[in-house]
Amino acid sequence: MSHSEPRQDGGEDERVPFMQRLLDNPFLLLFIGVTVPTVFYIIWGVMEIAQIPIAP
């Protein structure tokens, strides 16, 4: 098939945008949904522990 011929489904050869590829992948969304809150809670916990005054 040459470039001058239209595809049979009527679509064009387009590159799929990055965000669409990201949102179409359920395992990647699951990984991001577990990892991002975990990292934030760890950082939050470290900041809270760092603010505890040292006992005399």
PDB file of N, CA and C in Angstrom:
ATOM      1  N   MET A   1       0.859  -1.182   0.000  1.00  0.00           N
ATOM      2  CA  MET A   1       0.000   0.000   0.000  1.00  0.00           C
ATOM      3  C   MET A   1       0.899   1.237   0.000  1.00  0.00           C
ATOM      4  N   SER A   2       0.658   2.136  -0.921  1.00  0.00           N
ATOM      5  CA  SER A   2       1.455   3.354  -0.982  1.00  0.00           C
ATOM      6  C   SER A   2       0.810   4.444  -0.138  1.00  0.00           C
ATOM      7  N   HIS A   3       1.533   5.537   0.047  1.00  0.00           N
ATOM      8  CA  HIS A   3       1.012   6.623   0.883  1.00  0.00           C
ATOM      9  C   HIS A   3      -0.155   7.352   0.216  1.00  0.00           C
ATOM     10  N   SER A   4      -0.249   7.262  -1.109  1.00  0.00           N
ATOM     11  CA  SER A   4      -1.325   7.979  -1.788  1.00  0.00           C
ATOM     12  C   SER A   4      -2.670   7.265  -1.650  1.00  0.00           C
ATOM     13  N   GLU A   5      -2.653   5.971  -1.334  1.00  0.00           N
ATOM     14  CA  GLU A   5      -3.903   5.233  -1.190  1.00  0.00           C
ATOM     15  C   GLU A   5      -4.457   5.389   0.221  1.00  0.00           C
ATOM     16  N   PRO A   6      -5.765   5.689   0.352  1.00  0.00           N
ATOM     17  CA  PRO A   6      -6.348   5.753   1.700  1.00  0.00           C
ATOM     18  C   PRO A   6      -6.474   4.356   2.295  1.00  0.00           C
ATOM     19  N   ARG A   7      -6.403   4.290   3.612  1.00  0.00           N
ATOM     20  CA  ARG A   7      -6.589   3.004   4.277  1.00  0.00           C
ATOM     21  C   ARG A   7      -8.038   2.598   4.194  1.00  0.00           C
ATOM     22  N   GLN A   8      -8.287   1.295   4.292  1.00  0.00           N
ATOM     23  CA  GLN A   8      -9.647   0.802   4.123  1.00  0.00           C
ATOM     24  C   GLN A   8     -10.561   1.220   5.263  1.00  0.00           C
ATOM     25  N   ASP A   9     -10.007   1.437   6.459  1.00  0.00           N
ATOM     26  CA  ASP A   9     -10.849   1.866   7.580  1.00  0.00           C
ATOM     27  C   ASP A   9     -11.070   3.377   7.576  1.00  0.00           C
ATOM     28  N   GLY A  10     -10.472   4.072   6.613  1.00  0.00           N
ATOM     29  CA  GLY A  10     -10.705   5.505   6.485  1.00  0.00           C
ATOM     30  C   GLY A  10      -9.815   6.350   7.384  1.00  0.00           C
ATOM     31  N   GLY A  11      -8.993   5.745   8.249  1.00  0.00           N
ATOM     32  CA  GLY A  11      -8.145   6.507   9.156  1.00  0.00           C
ATOM     33  C   GLY A  11      -6.827   6.873   8.511  1.00  0.00           C
ATOM     34  N   GLU A  12      -6.109   7.710   9.179  1.00  0.00           N
ATOM     35  CA  GLU A  12      -4.790   8.099   8.719  1.00  0.00           C
ATOM     36  C   GLU A  12      -3.749   7.470   9.633  1.00  0.00           C
ATOM     37  N   ASP A  13      -2.528   7.358   9.125  1.00  0.00           N
ATOM     38  CA  ASP A  13      -1.431   6.852   9.952  1.00  0.00           C
ATOM     39  C   ASP A  13      -0.976   7.968  10.867  1.00  0.00           C
ATOM     40  N   GLU A  14      -1.465   7.971  12.110  1.00  0.00           N
ATOM     41  CA  GLU A  14      -1.089   9.005  13.070  1.00  0.00           C
ATOM     42  C   GLU A  14      -0.365   8.366  14.237  1.00  0.00           C
ATOM     43  N   ARG A  15       0.516   9.149  14.823  1.00  0.00           N
ATOM     44  CA  ARG A  15       1.218   8.698  16.021  1.00  0.00           C
ATOM     45  C   ARG A  15       0.285   8.892  17.205  1.00  0.00           C
ATOM     46  N   VAL A  16       0.176   7.869  18.058  1.00  0.00           N
ATOM     47  CA  VAL A  16      -0.703   7.952  19.220  1.00  0.00           C
ATOM     48  C   VAL A  16      -0.046   8.865  20.254  1.00  0.00           C
ATOM     49  N   PRO A  17      -0.784   9.869  20.757  1.00  0.00           N
ATOM     50  CA  PRO A  17      -0.196  10.787  21.745  1.00  0.00           C
ATOM     51  C   PRO A  17       0.233  10.061  23.019  1.00  0.00           C
ATOM     52  N   PHE A  18       1.241  10.635  23.690  1.00  0.00           N
ATOM     53  CA  PHE A  18       1.810  10.008  24.886  1.00  0.00           C
ATOM     54  C   PHE A  18       0.765   9.811  25.979  1.00  0.00           C
ATOM     55  N   MET A  19      -0.045  10.848  26.247  1.00  0.00           N
ATOM     56  CA  MET A  19      -1.031  10.739  27.330  1.00  0.00           C
ATOM     57  C   MET A  19      -2.080   9.671  27.024  1.00  0.00           C
ATOM     58  N   GLN A  20      -2.436   9.513  25.757  1.00  0.00           N
ATOM     59  CA  GLN A  20      -3.407   8.474  25.410  1.00  0.00           C
ATOM     60  C   GLN A  20      -2.803   7.096  25.635  1.00  0.00           C
ATOM     61  N   ARG A  21      -1.537   6.920  25.269  1.00  0.00           N
ATOM     62  CA  ARG A  21      -0.880   5.639  25.516  1.00  0.00           C
ATOM     63  C   ARG A  21      -0.778   5.369  27.012  1.00  0.00           C
ATOM     64  N   LEU A  22      -0.495   6.418  27.806  1.00  0.00           N
ATOM     65  CA  LEU A  22      -0.398   6.272  29.255  1.00  0.00           C
ATOM     66  C   LEU A  22      -1.741   5.861  29.859  1.00  0.00           C
ATOM     67  N   LEU A  23      -2.805   6.554  29.456  1.00  0.00           N
ATOM     68  CA  LEU A  23      -4.120   6.300  30.039  1.00  0.00           C
ATOM     69  C   LEU A  23      -4.753   5.014  29.518  1.00  0.00           C
ATOM     70  N   ASP A  24      -4.244   4.463  28.421  1.00  0.00           N
ATOM     71  CA  ASP A  24      -4.766   3.199  27.891  1.00  0.00           C
ATOM     72  C   ASP A  24      -4.103   1.985  28.522  1.00  0.00           C
ATOM     73  N   ASN A  25      -3.094   2.181  29.367  1.00  0.00           N
ATOM     74  CA  ASN A  25      -2.365   1.065  29.959  1.00  0.00           C
ATOM     75  C   ASN A  25      -2.783   0.899  31.424  1.00  0.00           C
ATOM     76  N   PRO A  26      -3.657  -0.080  31.725  1.00  0.00           N
ATOM     77  CA  PRO A  26      -4.159  -0.198  33.102  1.00  0.00           C
ATOM     78  C   PRO A  26      -3.077  -0.603  34.102  1.00  0.00           C
ATOM     79  N   PHE A  27      -2.093  -1.385  33.689  1.00  0.00           N
ATOM     80  CA  PHE A  27      -1.053  -1.814  34.634  1.00  0.00           C
ATOM     81  C   PHE A  27      -0.139  -0.647  34.994  1.00  0.00           C
ATOM     82  N   LEU A  28       0.130   0.213  34.041  1.00  0.00           N
ATOM     83  CA  LEU A  28       0.931   1.397  34.341  1.00  0.00           C
ATOM     84  C   LEU A  28       0.163   2.341  35.259  1.00  0.00           C
ATOM     85  N   LEU A  29      -1.144   2.491  35.031  1.00  0.00           N
ATOM     86  CA  LEU A  29      -1.963   3.319  35.912  1.00  0.00           C
ATOM     87  C   LEU A  29      -1.999   2.745  37.324  1.00  0.00           C
ATOM     88  N   LEU A  30      -2.089   1.430  37.440  1.00  0.00           N
ATOM     89  CA  LEU A  30      -2.074   0.791  38.755  1.00  0.00           C
ATOM     90  C   LEU A  30      -0.747   1.049  39.456  1.00  0.00           C
ATOM     91  N   PHE A  31       0.353   0.895  38.719  1.00  0.00           N
ATOM     92  CA  PHE A  31       1.679   1.130  39.296  1.00  0.00           C
ATOM     93  C   PHE A  31       1.817   2.579  39.766  1.00  0.00           C
ATOM     94  N   ILE A  32       1.408   3.526  38.936  1.00  0.00           N
ATOM     95  CA  ILE A  32       1.495   4.938  39.314  1.00  0.00           C
ATOM     96  C   ILE A  32       0.585   5.236  40.500  1.00  0.00           C
ATOM     97  N   GLY A  33      -0.619   4.644  40.507  1.00  0.00           N
ATOM     98  CA  GLY A  33      -1.570   4.891  41.584  1.00  0.00           C
ATOM     99  C   GLY A  33      -1.129   4.338  42.923  1.00  0.00           C
ATOM    100  N   VAL A  34      -0.269   3.332  42.927  1.00  0.00           N
ATOM    101  CA  VAL A  34       0.254   2.783  44.182  1.00  0.00           C
ATOM    102  C   VAL A  34       1.557   3.488  44.568  1.00  0.00           C
ATOM    103  N   THR A  35       2.393   3.770  43.590  1.00  0.00           N
ATOM    104  CA  THR A  35       3.721   4.321  43.864  1.00  0.00           C
ATOM    105  C   THR A  35       3.679   5.777  44.331  1.00  0.00           C
ATOM    106  N   VAL A  36       2.904   6.613  43.663  1.00  0.00           N
ATOM    107  CA  VAL A  36       2.891   8.043  43.995  1.00  0.00           C
ATOM    108  C   VAL A  36       2.416   8.286  45.432  1.00  0.00           C
ATOM    109  N   PRO A  37       1.273   7.717  45.886  1.00  0.00           N
ATOM    110  CA  PRO A  37       0.895   7.933  47.285  1.00  0.00           C
ATOM    111  C   PRO A  37       1.913   7.351  48.270  1.00  0.00           C
ATOM    112  N   THR A  38       2.507   6.212  47.941  1.00  0.00           N
ATOM    113  CA  THR A  38       3.503   5.607  48.823  1.00  0.00           C
ATOM    114  C   THR A  38       4.695   6.538  49.004  1.00  0.00           C
ATOM    115  N   VAL A  39       5.187   7.098  47.924  1.00  0.00           N
ATOM    116  CA  VAL A  39       6.333   8.006  48.002  1.00  0.00           C
ATOM    117  C   VAL A  39       5.969   9.249  48.818  1.00  0.00           C
ATOM    118  N   PHE A  40       4.764   9.805  48.597  1.00  0.00           N
ATOM    119  CA  PHE A  40       4.360  10.987  49.355  1.00  0.00           C
ATOM    120  C   PHE A  40       4.213  10.688  50.844  1.00  0.00           C
ATOM    121  N   TYR A  41       3.639   9.523  51.192  1.00  0.00           N
ATOM    122  CA  TYR A  41       3.501   9.176  52.608  1.00  0.00           C
ATOM    123  C   TYR A  41       4.857   8.944  53.260  1.00  0.00           C
ATOM    124  N   ILE A  42       5.796   8.361  52.544  1.00  0.00           N
ATOM    125  CA  ILE A  42       7.141   8.163  53.097  1.00  0.00           C
ATOM    126  C   ILE A  42       7.807   9.519  53.343  1.00  0.00           C
ATOM    127  N   ILE A  43       7.712  10.415  52.363  1.00  0.00           N
ATOM    128  CA  ILE A  43       8.306  11.752  52.537  1.00  0.00           C
ATOM    129  C   ILE A  43       7.637  12.490  53.689  1.00  0.00           C
ATOM    130  N   TRP A  44       6.317  12.397  53.771  1.00  0.00           N
ATOM    131  CA  TRP A  44       5.571  13.048  54.856  1.00  0.00           C
ATOM    132  C   TRP A  44       6.009  12.479  56.214  1.00  0.00           C
ATOM    133  N   GLY A  45       6.146  11.164  56.304  1.00  0.00           N
ATOM    134  CA  GLY A  45       6.581  10.533  57.556  1.00  0.00           C
ATOM    135  C   GLY A  45       7.982  10.943  57.958  1.00  0.00           C
ATOM    136  N   VAL A  46       8.885  11.025  57.001  1.00  0.00           N
ATOM    137  CA  VAL A  46      10.258  11.451  57.308  1.00  0.00           C
ATOM    138  C   VAL A  46      10.262  12.894  57.800  1.00  0.00           C
ATOM    139  N   MET A  47       9.453  13.750  57.180  1.00  0.00           N
ATOM    140  CA  MET A  47       9.379  15.141  57.635  1.00  0.00           C
ATOM    141  C   MET A  47       8.806  15.227  59.044  1.00  0.00           C
ATOM    142  N   GLU A  48       7.796  14.435  59.354  1.00  0.00           N
ATOM    143  CA  GLU A  48       7.208  14.440  60.702  1.00  0.00           C
ATOM    144  C   GLU A  48       8.208  13.953  61.747  1.00  0.00           C
ATOM    145  N   ILE A  49       8.942  12.887  61.424  1.00  0.00           N
ATOM    146  CA  ILE A  49       9.935  12.364  62.355  1.00  0.00           C
ATOM    147  C   ILE A  49      11.058  13.371  62.573  1.00  0.00           C
ATOM    148  N   ALA A  50      11.432  14.088  61.499  1.00  0.00           N
ATOM    149  CA  ALA A  50      12.508  15.072  61.605  1.00  0.00           C
ATOM    150  C   ALA A  50      12.108  16.253  62.491  1.00  0.00           C
ATOM    151  N   GLN A  51      10.806  16.514  62.638  1.00  0.00           N
ATOM    152  CA  GLN A  51      10.365  17.643  63.445  1.00  0.00           C
ATOM    153  C   GLN A  51      10.224  17.305  64.919  1.00  0.00           C
ATOM    154  N   ILE A  52      10.329  16.056  65.306  1.00  0.00           N
ATOM    155  CA  ILE A  52      10.220  15.685  66.711  1.00  0.00           C
ATOM    156  C   ILE A  52      11.459  16.184  67.445  1.00  0.00           C
ATOM    157  N   PRO A  53      11.289  16.939  68.510  1.00  0.00           N
ATOM    158  CA  PRO A  53      12.455  17.455  69.226  1.00  0.00           C
ATOM    159  C   PRO A  53      13.211  16.307  69.930  1.00  0.00           C
ATOM    160  N   ILE A  54      14.513  16.505  70.026  1.00  0.00           N
ATOM    161  CA  ILE A  54      15.347  15.502  70.686  1.00  0.00           C
ATOM    162  C   ILE A  54      15.118  15.597  72.203  1.00  0.00           C
ATOM    163  N   ALA A  55      14.965  14.440  72.840  1.00  0.00           N
ATOM    164  CA  ALA A  55      14.712  14.408  74.290  1.00  0.00           C
ATOM    165  C   ALA A  55      15.959  14.879  75.040  1.00  0.00           C
ATOM    166  N   PRO A  56      15.756  15.638  76.124  1.00  0.00           N
ATOM    167  CA  PRO A  56      16.919  16.123  76.895  1.00  0.00           C
ATOM    168  C   PRO A  56      17.593  15.006  77.683  1.00  0.00           C
TER     169      PRO A  56
END
